Amino acid sequence: MGKADALSQIKEAEAKAKKTLEEAEERQKAIISSARREAVDKLQAAERDLRAKREAALDRERKALAANRDELLRKGNEEAAAIEAKAAERVPKAKNTIKQYFERAFDAAAGTNE
């Protein structure tokens, strides 16, 4: 084996090493790119899931609040109706009391004490 053959083999080995290194770098870039895409996809999926869970929780709370509001309104309406009924019962007595008060005041002003 001559010097020229040795140099040729060295150059071939260097070319193979360079090619192998370039292929490895390309594979590394492809793997990194794929990993980044996968990470972005997973992150987006996690964000979608989180939004969906948050919306579901908010929807449940809205429904619970609506039910609570409806119950409070129902109770308030019942209390208002009871107060109104009680007031309606007292109106004739109040009218009579006011009438008697004015009659006494009129009688006192007129000077009649019957």
Protein backbone atom coordinates (compact mmCIF):
# COMPACT_ATOMS: atom_id res chain seq x y z
CA MET A 1 0.00 0.00 0.00
CA GLY A 2 1.45 3.23 -1.11
CA LYS A 3 1.27 6.68 0.22
CA ALA A 4 -1.31 7.63 -2.41
CA ASP A 5 -3.54 4.70 -1.39
CA ALA A 6 -3.27 5.63 2.26
CA LEU A 7 -4.17 9.26 1.49
CA SER A 8 -7.05 8.08 -0.68
CA GLN A 9 -8.35 5.84 2.10
CA ILE A 10 -8.00 8.67 4.63
CA LYS A 11 -9.90 11.01 2.32
CA GLU A 12 -12.60 8.38 1.81
CA ALA A 13 -12.84 7.82 5.57
CA GLU A 14 -13.04 11.56 6.15
CA ALA A 15 -15.73 11.89 3.47
CA LYS A 16 -17.68 8.99 5.02
CA ALA A 17 -17.29 10.52 8.48
CA LYS A 18 -18.41 13.91 7.17
CA LYS A 19 -21.40 12.34 5.40
CA THR A 20 -22.31 10.32 8.52
CA LEU A 21 -21.99 13.43 10.66
CA GLU A 22 -24.18 15.44 8.25
CA GLU A 23 -26.78 12.67 8.21
CA ALA A 24 -26.69 12.50 12.01
CA GLU A 25 -27.15 16.28 12.22
CA GLU A 26 -30.08 16.11 9.78
CA ARG A 27 -31.66 13.29 11.82
CA GLN A 28 -31.06 15.31 14.99
CA LYS A 29 -32.72 18.37 13.44
CA ALA A 30 -35.64 16.24 12.23
CA ILE A 31 -36.03 14.67 15.69
CA ILE A 32 -35.86 18.06 17.40
CA SER A 33 -38.34 19.52 14.92
CA SER A 34 -40.67 16.57 15.42
CA ALA A 35 -40.33 16.83 19.20
CA ARG A 36 -41.12 20.54 19.08
CA ARG A 37 -44.21 19.93 16.93
CA GLU A 38 -45.30 17.17 19.29
CA ALA A 39 -44.74 19.43 22.30
CA VAL A 40 -46.77 22.22 20.68
CA ASP A 41 -49.54 19.75 19.82
CA LYS A 42 -49.60 18.41 23.38
CA LEU A 43 -49.61 21.93 24.80
CA GLN A 44 -52.47 22.95 22.54
CA ALA A 45 -54.40 19.80 23.45
CA ALA A 46 -53.83 20.48 27.15
CA GLU A 47 -55.02 24.08 26.71
CA ARG A 48 -58.14 22.87 24.87
CA ASP A 49 -58.86 20.37 27.64
CA LEU A 50 -58.33 23.04 30.28
CA ARG A 51 -60.65 25.46 28.48
CA ALA A 52 -63.28 22.74 28.13
CA LYS A 53 -63.03 21.84 31.84
CA ARG A 54 -63.15 25.50 32.84
CA GLU A 55 -66.21 26.11 30.66
CA ALA A 56 -67.91 23.01 32.07
CA ALA A 57 -67.20 24.16 35.63
CA LEU A 58 -68.45 27.67 34.87
CA ASP A 59 -71.58 26.23 33.27
CA ARG A 60 -72.25 24.09 36.36
CA GLU A 61 -71.80 27.12 38.62
CA ARG A 62 -74.05 29.26 36.41
CA LYS A 63 -76.77 26.60 36.59
CA ALA A 64 -76.38 26.32 40.38
CA LEU A 65 -76.56 30.10 40.74
CA ALA A 66 -79.63 30.26 38.49
CA ALA A 67 -81.34 27.56 40.57
CA ASN A 68 -80.40 29.41 43.77
CA ARG A 69 -81.69 32.70 42.31
CA ASP A 70 -84.96 31.04 41.29
CA GLU A 71 -85.38 29.58 44.77
CA LEU A 72 -84.69 32.96 46.40
CA LEU A 73 -87.15 34.66 44.06
CA ARG A 74 -89.79 32.04 44.83
CA LYS A 75 -89.31 32.51 48.58
CA GLY A 76 -89.35 36.29 48.21
CA ASN A 77 -92.56 36.15 46.19
CA GLU A 78 -94.14 33.91 48.82
CA GLU A 79 -93.10 36.31 51.60
CA ALA A 80 -94.39 39.29 49.60
CA ALA A 81 -97.73 37.53 49.05
CA ALA A 82 -97.98 36.73 52.76
CA ILE A 83 -97.20 40.34 53.70
CA GLU A 84 -99.72 41.60 51.15
CA ALA A 85 -102.40 39.25 52.47
CA LYS A 86 -101.72 40.35 56.05
CA ALA A 87 -101.85 43.99 54.98
CA ALA A 88 -105.13 43.40 53.13
CA GLU A 89 -106.58 41.91 56.33
CA ARG A 90 -105.55 45.00 58.31
CA VAL A 91 -106.85 47.61 55.83
CA PRO A 92 -110.48 47.65 57.11
CA LYS A 93 -109.34 48.02 60.72
CA ALA A 94 -106.88 50.77 59.72
CA LYS A 95 -109.61 52.59 57.79
CA ASN A 96 -111.92 52.37 60.79
CA THR A 97 -109.22 53.61 63.16
CA ILE A 98 -108.37 56.56 60.90
CA LYS A 99 -112.09 57.33 60.49
CA GLN A 100 -112.59 57.33 64.25
CA TYR A 101 -109.54 59.55 64.73
CA PHE A 102 -110.87 62.10 62.23
CA GLU A 103 -114.37 61.91 63.71
CA ARG A 104 -112.99 62.64 67.19
CA ALA A 105 -110.87 65.47 65.81
CA PHE A 106 -113.91 66.86 63.93
CA ASP A 107 -116.14 66.48 66.97
CA ALA A 108 -113.55 68.20 69.12
CA ALA A 109 -113.22 71.04 66.62
CA ALA A 110 -116.98 71.31 66.20
CA GLY A 111 -117.55 71.13 69.92
CA THR A 112 -119.82 68.10 69.84
CA ASN A 113 -119.06 65.37 72.28
CA GLU A 114 -121.51 62.65 71.53
